[in-house]
Amino acid sequence: MKFKKSLAKVVAAVSLAFAGFVAVNTVNTQNNTVQAASKTSQRNKVVSLAKKQVGKRYVYGATGPNAFDCSGLTSYVYSHAIGKYISRTTYSQVYQGKTVKVSTASLKKG
């Protein structure tokens, strides 16, 4: 009889532990899915706002919204699309972000 009670306790403990593990993994999976969707949304906002600037004049040192230079455009778009500050000049922007080591054919937004 003691053996059956002990076995029942072990099975119950293992079941609870497994259920807790599954619940934690489900939450983590959902969080990862939400984070991925959020990143995709941010990338789309950046690309959308950048495309809206096509056709505006290039002016050295300009930061928008009527004219831009290259680094002025990137800092403007990131700031206004997703609220992310990146420095104003090309010389400082090259030290921000991640180095991308893939072919241009396999690049994605963001």
C-alpha atoms as a PDB file:
ATOM      1  CA  MET A   1       0.000   0.000   0.000  1.00  0.00           C
ATOM      2  CA  LYS A   2       2.832   2.409   0.850  1.00  0.00           C
ATOM      3  CA  PHE A   3       4.438   1.612  -2.482  1.00  0.00           C
ATOM      4  CA  LYS A   4       1.256   2.548  -4.368  1.00  0.00           C
ATOM      5  CA  LYS A   5       0.976   5.848  -2.456  1.00  0.00           C
ATOM      6  CA  SER A   6       4.648   6.611  -3.083  1.00  0.00           C
ATOM      7  CA  LEU A   7       4.303   5.738  -6.765  1.00  0.00           C
ATOM      8  CA  ALA A   8       1.210   7.920  -7.012  1.00  0.00           C
ATOM      9  CA  LYS A   9       3.102  10.825  -5.421  1.00  0.00           C
ATOM     10  CA  VAL A  10       6.033  10.398  -7.815  1.00  0.00           C
ATOM     11  CA  VAL A  11       3.714  10.228 -10.835  1.00  0.00           C
ATOM     12  CA  ALA A  12       1.826  13.311  -9.587  1.00  0.00           C
ATOM     13  CA  ALA A  13       5.074  15.224  -9.022  1.00  0.00           C
ATOM     14  CA  VAL A  14       6.429  14.303 -12.459  1.00  0.00           C
ATOM     15  CA  SER A  15       3.104  15.211 -14.070  1.00  0.00           C
ATOM     16  CA  LEU A  16       3.050  18.613 -12.363  1.00  0.00           C
ATOM     17  CA  ALA A  17       6.662  19.267 -13.309  1.00  0.00           C
ATOM     18  CA  PHE A  18       5.968  18.308 -16.925  1.00  0.00           C
ATOM     19  CA  ALA A  19       2.829  20.445 -17.020  1.00  0.00           C
ATOM     20  CA  GLY A  20       4.820  23.390 -15.656  1.00  0.00           C
ATOM     21  CA  PHE A  21       7.548  22.825 -18.247  1.00  0.00           C
ATOM     22  CA  VAL A  22       4.999  22.714 -21.056  1.00  0.00           C
ATOM     23  CA  ALA A  23       3.334  25.891 -19.766  1.00  0.00           C
ATOM     24  CA  VAL A  24       6.675  27.722 -19.577  1.00  0.00           C
ATOM     25  CA  ASN A  25       7.642  26.583 -23.075  1.00  0.00           C
ATOM     26  CA  THR A  26       4.261  27.659 -24.440  1.00  0.00           C
ATOM     27  CA  VAL A  27       4.689  31.130 -22.934  1.00  0.00           C
ATOM     28  CA  ASN A  28       8.244  31.394 -24.321  1.00  0.00           C
ATOM     29  CA  THR A  29       7.086  30.304 -27.767  1.00  0.00           C
ATOM     30  CA  GLN A  30       4.281  32.867 -27.705  1.00  0.00           C
ATOM     31  CA  ASN A  31       6.714  35.586 -26.578  1.00  0.00           C
ATOM     32  CA  ASN A  32       9.103  34.681 -29.404  1.00  0.00           C
ATOM     33  CA  THR A  33       6.245  34.821 -31.913  1.00  0.00           C
ATOM     34  CA  VAL A  34       5.149  38.245 -30.621  1.00  0.00           C
ATOM     35  CA  GLN A  35       8.736  39.528 -30.723  1.00  0.00           C
ATOM     36  CA  ALA A  36       9.200  38.270 -34.291  1.00  0.00           C
ATOM     37  CA  ALA A  37       5.942  39.938 -35.370  1.00  0.00           C
ATOM     38  CA  SER A  38       7.040  43.150 -33.667  1.00  0.00           C
ATOM     39  CA  LYS A  39      10.398  43.130 -35.482  1.00  0.00           C
ATOM     40  CA  THR A  40       8.665  42.494 -38.800  1.00  0.00           C
ATOM     41  CA  SER A  41       6.291  45.375 -38.112  1.00  0.00           C
ATOM     42  CA  GLN A  42       9.189  47.697 -37.262  1.00  0.00           C
ATOM     43  CA  ARG A  43      11.092  46.693 -40.394  1.00  0.00           C
ATOM     44  CA  ASN A  44       8.029  47.335 -42.529  1.00  0.00           C
ATOM     45  CA  LYS A  45       7.541  50.781 -40.952  1.00  0.00           C
ATOM     46  CA  VAL A  46      11.164  51.725 -41.675  1.00  0.00           C
ATOM     47  CA  VAL A  47      10.961  50.587 -45.292  1.00  0.00           C
ATOM     48  CA  SER A  48       7.580  52.262 -45.814  1.00  0.00           C
ATOM     49  CA  LEU A  49       8.739  55.630 -44.490  1.00  0.00           C
ATOM     50  CA  ALA A  50      11.984  55.439 -46.488  1.00  0.00           C
ATOM     51  CA  LYS A  51      10.045  54.755 -49.697  1.00  0.00           C
ATOM     52  CA  LYS A  52       7.900  57.830 -49.040  1.00  0.00           C
ATOM     53  CA  GLN A  53      11.051  59.963 -49.227  1.00  0.00           C
ATOM     54  CA  VAL A  54      11.869  58.883 -52.793  1.00  0.00           C
ATOM     55  CA  GLY A  55      12.016  61.899 -55.081  1.00  0.00           C
ATOM     56  CA  LYS A  56      12.999  64.418 -52.415  1.00  0.00           C
ATOM     57  CA  ARG A  57      16.064  66.507 -53.105  1.00  0.00           C
ATOM     58  CA  TYR A  58      19.570  65.526 -52.044  1.00  0.00           C
ATOM     59  CA  VAL A  59      21.197  68.336 -50.105  1.00  0.00           C
ATOM     60  CA  TYR A  60      24.500  67.846 -48.318  1.00  0.00           C
ATOM     61  CA  GLY A  61      23.879  67.930 -44.554  1.00  0.00           C
ATOM     62  CA  ALA A  62      20.076  67.914 -44.897  1.00  0.00           C
ATOM     63  CA  THR A  63      18.079  65.924 -42.354  1.00  0.00           C
ATOM     64  CA  GLY A  64      14.556  66.222 -43.787  1.00  0.00           C
ATOM     65  CA  PRO A  65      11.704  66.336 -44.158  1.00  0.00           C
ATOM     66  CA  ASN A  66      11.987  68.245 -47.463  1.00  0.00           C
ATOM     67  CA  ALA A  67      15.542  67.254 -48.417  1.00  0.00           C
ATOM     68  CA  PHE A  68      18.099  64.710 -47.216  1.00  0.00           C
ATOM     69  CA  ASP A  69      21.629  63.544 -47.556  1.00  0.00           C
ATOM     70  CA  CYS A  70      22.305  59.807 -47.168  1.00  0.00           C
ATOM     71  CA  SER A  71      22.951  59.688 -43.420  1.00  0.00           C
ATOM     72  CA  GLY A  72      20.298  62.324 -42.760  1.00  0.00           C
ATOM     73  CA  LEU A  73      17.768  60.058 -44.452  1.00  0.00           C
ATOM     74  CA  THR A  74      18.653  57.005 -42.374  1.00  0.00           C
ATOM     75  CA  SER A  75      18.630  58.878 -39.070  1.00  0.00           C
ATOM     76  CA  TYR A  76      15.319  60.586 -39.979  1.00  0.00           C
ATOM     77  CA  VAL A  77      13.601  57.369 -41.044  1.00  0.00           C
ATOM     78  CA  TYR A  78      14.629  55.299 -38.024  1.00  0.00           C
ATOM     79  CA  SER A  79      13.739  58.099 -35.627  1.00  0.00           C
ATOM     80  CA  HIS A  80      10.320  58.825 -37.131  1.00  0.00           C
ATOM     81  CA  ALA A  81       9.315  55.279 -38.078  1.00  0.00           C
ATOM     82  CA  ILE A  82      10.209  53.397 -34.890  1.00  0.00           C
ATOM     83  CA  GLY A  83      11.641  55.958 -32.478  1.00  0.00           C
ATOM     84  CA  LYS A  84      15.166  54.516 -32.696  1.00  0.00           C
ATOM     85  CA  TYR A  85      17.992  57.026 -32.550  1.00  0.00           C
ATOM     86  CA  ILE A  86      20.931  56.462 -34.837  1.00  0.00           C
ATOM     87  CA  SER A  87      23.649  59.035 -35.104  1.00  0.00           C
ATOM     88  CA  ARG A  88      23.482  61.744 -37.721  1.00  0.00           C
ATOM     89  CA  THR A  89      26.660  61.296 -39.756  1.00  0.00           C
ATOM     90  CA  THR A  90      27.938  58.453 -41.905  1.00  0.00           C
ATOM     91  CA  TYR A  91      31.209  58.468 -39.985  1.00  0.00           C
ATOM     92  CA  SER A  92      29.445  57.578 -36.741  1.00  0.00           C
ATOM     93  CA  GLN A  93      26.723  55.379 -38.298  1.00  0.00           C
ATOM     94  CA  VAL A  94      29.307  52.896 -39.598  1.00  0.00           C
ATOM     95  CA  TYR A  95      30.042  51.920 -35.976  1.00  0.00           C
ATOM     96  CA  GLN A  96      26.396  51.265 -35.090  1.00  0.00           C
ATOM     97  CA  GLY A  97      24.369  48.147 -35.883  1.00  0.00           C
ATOM     98  CA  LYS A  98      25.607  44.742 -36.946  1.00  0.00           C
ATOM     99  CA  THR A  99      28.001  43.725 -39.668  1.00  0.00           C
ATOM    100  CA  VAL A 100      26.195  41.759 -42.374  1.00  0.00           C
ATOM    101  CA  LYS A 101      28.205  38.972 -43.968  1.00  0.00           C
ATOM    102  CA  VAL A 102      25.855  37.511 -46.566  1.00  0.00           C
ATOM    103  CA  SER A 103      25.308  37.923 -50.249  1.00  0.00           C
ATOM    104  CA  THR A 104      23.118  40.802 -51.322  1.00  0.00           C
ATOM    105  CA  ALA A 105      20.694  38.273 -52.843  1.00  0.00           C
ATOM    106  CA  SER A 106      19.854  36.904 -49.384  1.00  0.00           C
ATOM    107  CA  LEU A 107      19.373  40.228 -47.580  1.00  0.00           C
ATOM    108  CA  LYS A 108      16.076  40.955 -45.789  1.00  0.00           C
ATOM    109  CA  LYS A 109      14.423  44.098 -44.459  1.00  0.00           C
ATOM    110  CA  GLY A 110      15.980  45.393 -41.276  1.00  0.00           C
END
